[in-house]
Amino acid sequence: MRFWIPAVLALALGLTGCATTEHAPKSATVLAPYVASSPAPAPPQLKAEALPSAPDTPAVVGPFDGLPGWAQDDHAAALIAFAAGCGAARDPLEARICRAAKVHGPFEESEARVFFERNFRPEPLSTPGLLTAYFTPVYEARDHADGEFTAPVRPRPVDLPRRRADGGPVAPYADRSLIECRPAHNALAWMRPEDLFFLQIQGSGVLAYPDGSQLRAVFDGSNGAPFLGLAAPMRHAGLLADADTSAETIHAWLAVNRGAKAEAVMRLNRRYVFFRLEPDDGIEPSGAAGQRLIPGRALAVDPARHGMGELLWLDASAPALAGAFPNYRRLAMALDTGGAIKGDVRADLYLGRGPEAGLEAGRVRHTLRLYRLTPIDAPPS
């Protein structure tokens, strides 16, 4: 039965106005049903050394036989990505393997495959989980409110609690509805509301201005509220079809229904992100590990379950959304984190910059089997 969801949205519509005094949001009852919860980088300049000489035909190492799609991956491209991002590794053995990868010359496919098979052992992680994807969006912006550009890009508030050094919880902060009611005299830029909402989901992006200039919007803190995706509530409300809840479809619905109706839906996600602006250098952003994100090879993971720089094998299939690629089977590295990425077998694959990457990323919702590639002492050459 779905009759209660439209009623919930109707109640939310009545709460979209901004009160003059902040108080505990009445939207608690509205949220109750849902609150709980590209191109590869240029190869590094490498010197010859350290890689065992490869046989003409690579020997298949037993443990890798069980990885679906292992033989079909582009191991040479994966090893270039590994060399570019493995500086984030904290495991001493992986750091040594990283150094070996950096000093070896251009990799032939057979060499690269042997390198991984001799230096790592795949270990499956628990039960199936979920793969999603993200990207660097490029959105139009203005330096003042103008027409459709009514949503302010807000800087980090001076009273926003900093994360405690011991990792403990910080004091609660205002939720999305209360923050949006505040004056925006110090707005960094102005965007269409649905674009700002998706910029906050991605955590960073590029703002494009009418004069052709661009600035990068960089994550600078959040209100600490848990992330809530809109797909489930919109599907249950009958606003979107069951198999058509991609990011593209949700964004289009919010644009068509811009105003009170869209605001009520967006405010179901209480999480709010603040930004700072930096010059846009035109290259990929850095992740939480401090390394540039590599399209198709970088993952956001739960840092409580995975170390930065960790090498992982993705076996993702059975897409839930129409128009998606059937599977993602490849080597990737843990180089980033995300507010909604929690658990052992939960990952967000970075797919690059711009609308094409966004179109693909918005359709990734695949059943994921994840394997950790544990570094081992390589056998003698």
Protein backbone atom coordinates (compact mmCIF):
# COMPACT_ATOMS: atom_id res chain seq x y z
CA MET A 1 0.00 0.00 0.00
CA ARG A 2 1.39 3.41 -1.01
CA PHE A 3 -1.26 5.85 0.20
CA TRP A 4 0.87 7.09 3.11
CA ILE A 5 3.77 8.30 0.95
CA PRO A 6 1.83 11.03 -0.91
CA ALA A 7 0.48 12.05 2.50
CA VAL A 8 4.04 12.30 3.78
CA LEU A 9 5.01 14.50 0.83
CA ALA A 10 1.92 16.61 1.32
CA LEU A 11 2.91 17.19 4.92
CA ALA A 12 6.46 18.00 3.81
CA LEU A 13 5.11 20.56 1.35
CA GLY A 14 3.50 22.31 4.24
CA LEU A 15 6.89 22.55 5.96
CA THR A 16 8.96 24.00 3.14
CA GLY A 17 8.52 27.57 4.29
CA CYS A 18 11.27 29.04 6.50
CA ALA A 19 10.39 29.88 10.09
CA THR A 20 11.96 32.92 11.70
CA THR A 21 13.13 30.95 14.75
CA GLU A 22 15.11 27.72 14.51
CA HIS A 23 13.80 24.76 16.47
CA ALA A 24 13.78 21.00 16.29
CA PRO A 25 12.45 20.31 12.77
CA LYS A 26 8.83 19.22 12.51
CA SER A 27 9.99 17.16 9.55
CA ALA A 28 10.95 14.37 11.99
CA THR A 29 7.61 12.71 11.34
CA VAL A 30 8.04 13.22 7.60
CA LEU A 31 11.41 11.50 7.68
CA ALA A 32 10.45 8.68 10.02
CA PRO A 33 9.86 6.02 7.33
CA TYR A 34 13.34 6.54 5.85
CA VAL A 35 15.67 7.86 8.53
CA ALA A 36 17.94 5.11 9.84
CA SER A 37 19.80 4.80 9.03
CA SER A 38 37.37 7.87 -19.10
CA PRO A 39 40.85 8.30 -19.96
CA ALA A 40 43.60 6.63 -17.90
CA PRO A 41 46.27 8.93 -16.44
CA ALA A 42 49.55 9.36 -18.28
CA PRO A 43 52.03 6.67 -17.23
CA PRO A 44 54.59 7.78 -14.64
CA GLN A 45 58.20 8.12 -15.76
CA LEU A 46 59.58 4.71 -14.89
CA LYS A 47 63.03 3.14 -14.74
CA ALA A 48 63.81 -0.50 -15.41
CA GLU A 49 64.33 -2.76 -12.39
CA ALA A 50 62.69 -5.06 -9.90
CA LEU A 51 60.05 -6.91 -11.96
CA PRO A 52 60.64 -10.65 -12.39
CA SER A 53 61.18 -11.55 -16.02
CA ALA A 54 57.91 -12.87 -17.46
CA PRO A 55 57.58 -16.08 -19.45
CA ASP A 56 56.30 -15.88 -23.01
CA THR A 57 52.94 -17.21 -21.81
CA PRO A 58 51.99 -16.10 -18.29
CA ALA A 59 51.48 -18.94 -15.88
CA VAL A 60 48.06 -18.85 -14.26
CA VAL A 61 48.43 -18.67 -10.50
CA GLY A 62 45.80 -20.82 -8.82
CA PRO A 63 44.15 -18.30 -6.48
CA PHE A 64 43.35 -15.98 -9.37
CA ASP A 65 41.42 -18.66 -11.27
CA GLY A 66 38.39 -17.94 -9.09
CA LEU A 67 38.17 -14.23 -9.97
CA PRO A 68 35.38 -13.77 -12.54
CA GLY A 69 36.76 -11.76 -15.46
CA TRP A 70 40.38 -11.78 -14.27
CA ALA A 71 41.76 -12.90 -17.62
CA GLN A 72 39.80 -10.19 -19.45
CA ASP A 73 40.99 -7.17 -17.43
CA ASP A 74 43.51 -4.73 -18.91
CA HIS A 75 46.30 -5.55 -16.47
CA ALA A 76 48.73 -3.09 -18.06
CA ALA A 77 46.30 -0.22 -17.49
CA ALA A 78 45.60 -1.50 -13.98
CA LEU A 79 49.32 -1.52 -13.17
CA ILE A 80 49.76 2.04 -14.44
CA ALA A 81 46.88 3.06 -12.15
CA PHE A 82 48.40 1.10 -9.28
CA ALA A 83 51.77 2.84 -9.72
CA ALA A 84 50.03 6.24 -9.79
CA GLY A 85 47.96 5.70 -6.64
CA CYS A 86 49.80 3.18 -4.47
CA GLY A 87 51.66 5.92 -2.62
CA ALA A 88 48.61 5.97 -0.34
CA ALA A 89 49.38 2.44 0.91
CA ARG A 90 50.39 2.13 4.56
CA ASP A 91 51.10 -1.60 4.54
CA PRO A 92 54.94 -1.94 4.45
CA LEU A 93 54.86 -4.89 2.07
CA GLU A 94 52.47 -3.17 -0.31
CA ALA A 95 54.67 -0.06 -0.15
CA ARG A 96 57.63 -2.19 -1.29
CA ILE A 97 55.56 -3.64 -4.12
CA CYS A 98 54.53 -0.08 -4.98
CA ARG A 99 58.17 0.97 -5.30
CA ALA A 100 58.83 -1.98 -7.60
CA ALA A 101 55.91 -0.95 -9.80
CA LYS A 102 57.15 2.63 -10.04
CA VAL A 103 60.68 1.77 -11.16
CA HIS A 104 59.76 -0.73 -13.86
CA GLY A 105 59.54 0.40 -17.50
CA PRO A 106 56.43 0.30 -19.76
CA PHE A 107 54.43 -2.80 -18.94
CA GLU A 108 53.43 -5.40 -21.46
CA GLU A 109 50.09 -7.03 -20.69
CA SER A 110 51.66 -10.38 -19.79
CA GLU A 111 54.21 -8.72 -17.49
CA ALA A 112 51.55 -6.74 -15.69
CA ARG A 113 49.39 -9.79 -15.10
CA VAL A 114 52.35 -11.74 -13.73
CA PHE A 115 53.25 -8.81 -11.47
CA PHE A 116 49.85 -8.89 -9.77
CA GLU A 117 49.73 -12.69 -9.57
CA ARG A 118 53.17 -12.95 -7.98
CA ASN A 119 52.76 -10.10 -5.51
CA PHE A 120 49.17 -10.46 -4.29
CA ARG A 121 46.71 -13.09 -3.09
CA PRO A 122 42.96 -12.53 -3.62
CA GLU A 123 40.72 -13.02 -0.58
CA PRO A 124 36.92 -12.88 -0.88
CA LEU A 125 35.07 -10.56 1.49
CA SER A 126 31.91 -11.80 3.28
CA THR A 127 28.56 -11.75 1.51
CA PRO A 128 27.50 -9.81 -1.62
CA GLY A 129 27.11 -6.06 -1.25
CA LEU A 130 26.53 -3.04 -3.46
CA LEU A 131 28.51 -1.11 -6.08
CA THR A 132 27.49 2.41 -7.05
CA ALA A 133 29.50 5.07 -8.89
CA TYR A 134 30.28 8.77 -8.75
CA PHE A 135 31.88 11.41 -10.93
CA THR A 136 32.99 15.04 -11.11
CA PRO A 137 29.98 17.02 -12.33
CA VAL A 138 30.22 20.26 -14.30
CA TYR A 139 27.27 22.55 -13.54
CA GLU A 140 26.33 26.04 -14.63
CA ALA A 141 26.61 28.70 -11.93
CA ARG A 142 26.24 32.44 -11.41
CA ASP A 143 27.95 34.88 -9.06
CA HIS A 144 24.58 36.24 -7.93
CA ALA A 145 21.00 34.94 -7.73
CA ASP A 146 19.51 35.11 -11.19
CA GLY A 147 16.39 33.47 -12.66
CA GLU A 148 16.64 29.69 -12.13
CA PHE A 149 19.87 30.13 -10.15
CA THR A 150 18.31 30.46 -6.70
CA ALA A 151 20.32 27.99 -4.59
CA PRO A 152 23.37 29.39 -2.77
CA VAL A 153 26.62 27.45 -2.59
CA ARG A 154 27.38 27.99 1.08
CA PRO A 155 30.84 28.13 2.69
CA ARG A 156 31.63 26.26 5.87
CA PRO A 157 29.90 28.03 8.79
CA VAL A 158 32.17 29.30 11.55
CA ASP A 159 30.06 27.45 14.13
CA LEU A 160 30.19 24.07 12.36
CA PRO A 161 31.73 21.54 14.77
CA ARG A 162 35.09 20.12 13.71
CA ARG A 163 35.62 16.37 13.74
CA ARG A 164 37.01 15.31 17.10
CA ALA A 165 40.61 14.09 17.12
CA ASP A 166 39.57 10.87 18.90
CA GLY A 167 36.99 10.12 16.21
CA GLY A 168 34.09 10.53 18.62
CA PRO A 169 30.76 12.15 17.74
CA VAL A 170 30.46 15.90 17.50
CA ALA A 171 27.54 18.04 18.57
CA PRO A 172 24.53 17.84 16.22
CA TYR A 173 24.11 20.65 13.72
CA ALA A 174 21.10 22.07 11.89
CA ASP A 175 19.58 19.87 9.19
CA ARG A 176 19.01 20.74 5.52
CA SER A 177 15.66 22.47 6.02
CA LEU A 178 17.00 24.79 8.74
CA ILE A 179 20.22 25.61 6.89
CA GLU A 180 18.31 26.50 3.73
CA CYS A 181 16.24 28.99 5.73
CA ARG A 182 19.30 30.98 6.75
CA PRO A 183 20.34 34.14 4.87
CA ALA A 184 23.03 33.54 2.24
CA HIS A 185 24.86 36.88 2.27
CA ASN A 186 28.22 35.11 1.93
CA ALA A 187 27.22 32.67 -0.84
CA LEU A 188 30.17 31.53 -2.95
CA ALA A 189 27.99 31.07 -6.05
CA TRP A 190 24.40 30.40 -7.08
CA MET A 191 23.09 27.29 -8.80
CA ARG A 192 19.89 25.64 -9.87
CA PRO A 193 18.51 23.84 -6.75
CA GLU A 194 18.63 20.34 -8.27
CA ASP A 195 22.21 20.90 -9.48
CA LEU A 196 23.36 22.00 -6.03
CA PHE A 197 21.64 18.97 -4.49
CA PHE A 198 23.56 16.62 -6.78
CA LEU A 199 26.80 18.55 -6.28
CA GLN A 200 26.37 17.86 -2.57
CA ILE A 201 25.83 14.17 -3.25
CA GLN A 202 29.03 13.96 -5.32
CA GLY A 203 30.97 16.00 -2.76
CA SER A 204 32.83 18.13 -5.31
CA GLY A 205 32.47 19.41 -8.84
CA VAL A 206 33.17 22.18 -11.32
CA LEU A 207 31.15 25.40 -11.63
CA ALA A 208 30.95 26.87 -15.14
CA TYR A 209 30.17 30.59 -15.50
CA PRO A 210 28.69 32.46 -18.50
CA ASP A 211 32.04 34.13 -19.30
CA GLY A 212 33.65 30.72 -19.83
CA SER A 213 35.54 30.65 -16.53
CA GLN A 214 35.39 27.65 -14.25
CA LEU A 215 36.02 27.06 -10.55
CA ARG A 216 36.23 23.83 -8.61
CA ALA A 217 33.81 23.42 -5.68
CA VAL A 218 35.61 21.38 -3.03
CA PHE A 219 33.99 19.62 -0.05
CA ASP A 220 34.55 21.65 3.13
CA GLY A 221 32.45 19.85 5.71
CA SER A 222 28.89 18.71 6.29
CA ASN A 223 26.24 19.04 8.97
CA GLY A 224 26.92 15.44 9.99
CA ALA A 225 23.41 14.17 9.23
CA PRO A 226 23.20 10.70 7.66
CA PHE A 227 22.79 10.54 3.90
CA LEU A 228 19.41 9.38 2.58
CA GLY A 229 19.06 8.50 -1.09
CA LEU A 230 15.90 9.66 -2.85
CA ALA A 231 15.40 6.59 -5.04
CA ALA A 232 13.49 4.51 -2.46
CA PRO A 233 11.08 7.21 -1.22
CA MET A 234 10.36 8.42 -4.77
CA ARG A 235 9.81 4.86 -5.95
CA HIS A 236 7.52 4.05 -3.03
CA ALA A 237 5.59 7.26 -3.60
CA GLY A 238 4.95 6.26 -7.21
CA LEU A 239 6.87 9.29 -8.47
CA LEU A 240 9.29 7.10 -10.42
CA ALA A 241 9.09 3.62 -11.91
CA ASP A 242 10.79 0.79 -10.02
CA ALA A 243 13.57 0.27 -12.59
CA ASP A 244 13.92 3.95 -13.45
CA THR A 245 15.42 5.58 -10.38
CA SER A 246 18.79 6.50 -11.88
CA ALA A 247 20.46 9.77 -10.89
CA GLU A 248 19.59 11.12 -14.34
CA THR A 249 15.88 10.40 -13.85
CA ILE A 250 15.81 11.83 -10.32
CA HIS A 251 17.61 14.99 -11.45
CA ALA A 252 15.14 15.45 -14.32
CA TRP A 253 12.15 15.02 -11.99
CA LEU A 254 13.52 17.61 -9.57
CA ALA A 255 14.09 20.07 -12.44
CA VAL A 256 10.58 19.64 -13.83
CA ASN A 257 9.08 20.02 -10.35
CA ARG A 258 11.39 22.83 -9.23
CA GLY A 259 9.87 24.72 -6.31
CA ALA A 260 8.00 23.54 -3.23
CA LYS A 261 7.36 20.01 -4.53
CA ALA A 262 11.02 19.32 -5.34
CA GLU A 263 12.17 21.01 -2.13
CA ALA A 264 9.97 18.69 -0.07
CA VAL A 265 11.57 15.65 -1.70
CA MET A 266 15.14 16.96 -1.42
CA ARG A 267 14.65 17.77 2.26
CA LEU A 268 14.03 14.10 2.98
CA ASN A 269 17.84 13.93 2.76
CA ARG A 270 18.81 15.94 5.84
CA ARG A 271 22.54 15.85 5.03
CA TYR A 272 23.95 19.21 3.86
CA VAL A 273 27.42 19.81 2.40
CA PHE A 274 29.47 23.02 2.47
CA PHE A 275 32.14 24.00 -0.06
CA ARG A 276 35.13 26.17 -0.78
CA LEU A 277 36.09 27.34 -4.29
CA GLU A 278 39.48 26.75 -5.90
CA PRO A 279 40.90 27.29 -9.39
CA ASP A 280 40.00 24.46 -11.75
CA ASP A 281 43.13 22.83 -13.17
CA GLY A 282 41.14 20.63 -15.54
CA ILE A 283 42.43 17.35 -14.09
CA GLU A 284 40.92 14.78 -11.79
CA PRO A 285 40.37 15.71 -8.13
CA SER A 286 42.21 14.14 -5.23
CA GLY A 287 40.42 11.67 -2.98
CA ALA A 288 40.57 11.26 0.77
CA ALA A 289 43.88 9.37 0.38
CA GLY A 290 45.52 12.49 -1.07
CA GLN A 291 46.01 10.87 -4.48
CA ARG A 292 44.45 11.88 -7.78
CA LEU A 293 41.38 9.79 -8.56
CA ILE A 294 41.85 7.51 -11.57
CA PRO A 295 38.71 7.13 -13.68
CA GLY A 296 37.49 3.55 -13.63
CA ARG A 297 40.18 2.47 -11.16
CA ALA A 298 39.53 4.50 -7.98
CA LEU A 299 37.06 3.53 -5.28
CA ALA A 300 35.42 5.27 -2.37
CA VAL A 301 35.21 2.78 0.51
CA ASP A 302 34.45 2.65 4.22
CA PRO A 303 37.72 3.67 5.94
CA ALA A 304 36.72 1.68 9.01
CA ARG A 305 36.87 -1.51 6.88
CA HIS A 306 39.53 -0.73 4.25
CA GLY A 307 42.91 0.98 4.27
CA MET A 308 43.64 3.77 1.81
CA GLY A 309 45.68 2.43 -1.10
CA GLU A 310 44.24 -1.07 -0.70
CA LEU A 311 43.98 -3.05 -3.94
CA LEU A 312 40.58 -4.66 -4.62
CA TRP A 313 39.00 -6.82 -7.29
CA LEU A 314 35.46 -5.87 -8.30
CA ASP A 315 32.99 -8.46 -9.48
CA ALA A 316 29.79 -6.45 -9.92
CA SER A 317 26.83 -7.74 -11.92
CA ALA A 318 23.01 -7.93 -11.89
CA PRO A 319 22.35 -4.19 -12.38
CA ALA A 320 19.16 -2.87 -10.82
CA LEU A 321 18.75 0.11 -13.15
CA ALA A 322 17.77 0.24 -16.82
CA GLY A 323 20.49 1.17 -19.31
CA ALA A 324 23.40 0.11 -17.09
CA PHE A 325 26.45 -1.82 -18.24
CA PRO A 326 25.93 -5.50 -17.37
CA ASN A 327 29.01 -5.84 -15.17
CA TYR A 328 32.12 -4.19 -13.77
CA ARG A 329 35.01 -6.63 -13.29
CA ARG A 330 38.36 -4.99 -12.74
CA LEU A 331 41.18 -4.08 -10.39
CA ALA A 332 40.65 -0.85 -8.47
CA MET A 333 42.17 0.99 -5.53
CA ALA A 334 40.71 2.41 -2.33
CA LEU A 335 41.51 6.12 -2.70
CA ASP A 336 38.44 7.90 -1.35
CA THR A 337 35.60 7.78 1.17
CA GLY A 338 31.92 8.74 1.10
CA GLY A 339 29.21 9.52 3.64
CA ALA A 340 26.94 6.75 2.32
CA ILE A 341 29.69 4.16 1.83
CA LYS A 342 29.55 1.88 4.86
CA GLY A 343 30.47 -1.78 5.28
CA ASP A 344 32.97 -4.36 4.00
CA VAL A 345 31.35 -4.94 0.62
CA ARG A 346 30.21 -1.45 -0.30
CA ALA A 347 32.08 0.63 -2.86
CA ASP A 348 31.63 3.68 -5.06
CA LEU A 349 33.54 3.61 -8.36
CA TYR A 350 34.91 6.91 -9.67
CA LEU A 351 34.16 7.27 -13.39
CA GLY A 352 35.62 10.63 -14.35
CA ARG A 353 34.46 14.12 -15.21
CA GLY A 354 31.55 15.59 -17.12
CA PRO A 355 28.12 14.53 -18.42
CA GLU A 356 29.11 11.22 -20.04
CA ALA A 357 30.71 10.02 -16.81
CA GLY A 358 27.64 11.26 -14.95
CA LEU A 359 25.27 9.37 -17.21
CA GLU A 360 27.13 6.12 -16.62
CA ALA A 361 27.61 6.72 -12.89
CA GLY A 362 23.91 7.37 -12.36
CA ARG A 363 23.03 3.91 -13.66
CA VAL A 364 25.46 1.90 -11.52
CA ARG A 365 23.67 -0.07 -8.84
CA HIS A 366 25.09 -3.56 -9.10
CA THR A 367 25.36 -6.55 -6.80
CA LEU A 368 28.98 -6.58 -5.69
CA ARG A 369 31.34 -9.35 -4.74
CA LEU A 370 34.58 -7.88 -3.52
CA TYR A 371 38.04 -9.42 -3.16
CA ARG A 372 40.92 -7.89 -1.23
CA LEU A 373 44.30 -8.39 -2.90
CA THR A 374 46.59 -9.02 0.04
CA PRO A 375 50.30 -8.35 -0.62
CA ILE A 376 52.65 -11.33 -0.26
CA ASP A 377 56.40 -11.83 -0.51
CA ALA A 378 57.02 -12.38 -4.21
CA PRO A 379 58.79 -15.63 -5.20
CA PRO A 380 62.31 -15.25 -6.55
CA SER A 381 62.55 -14.55 -10.27
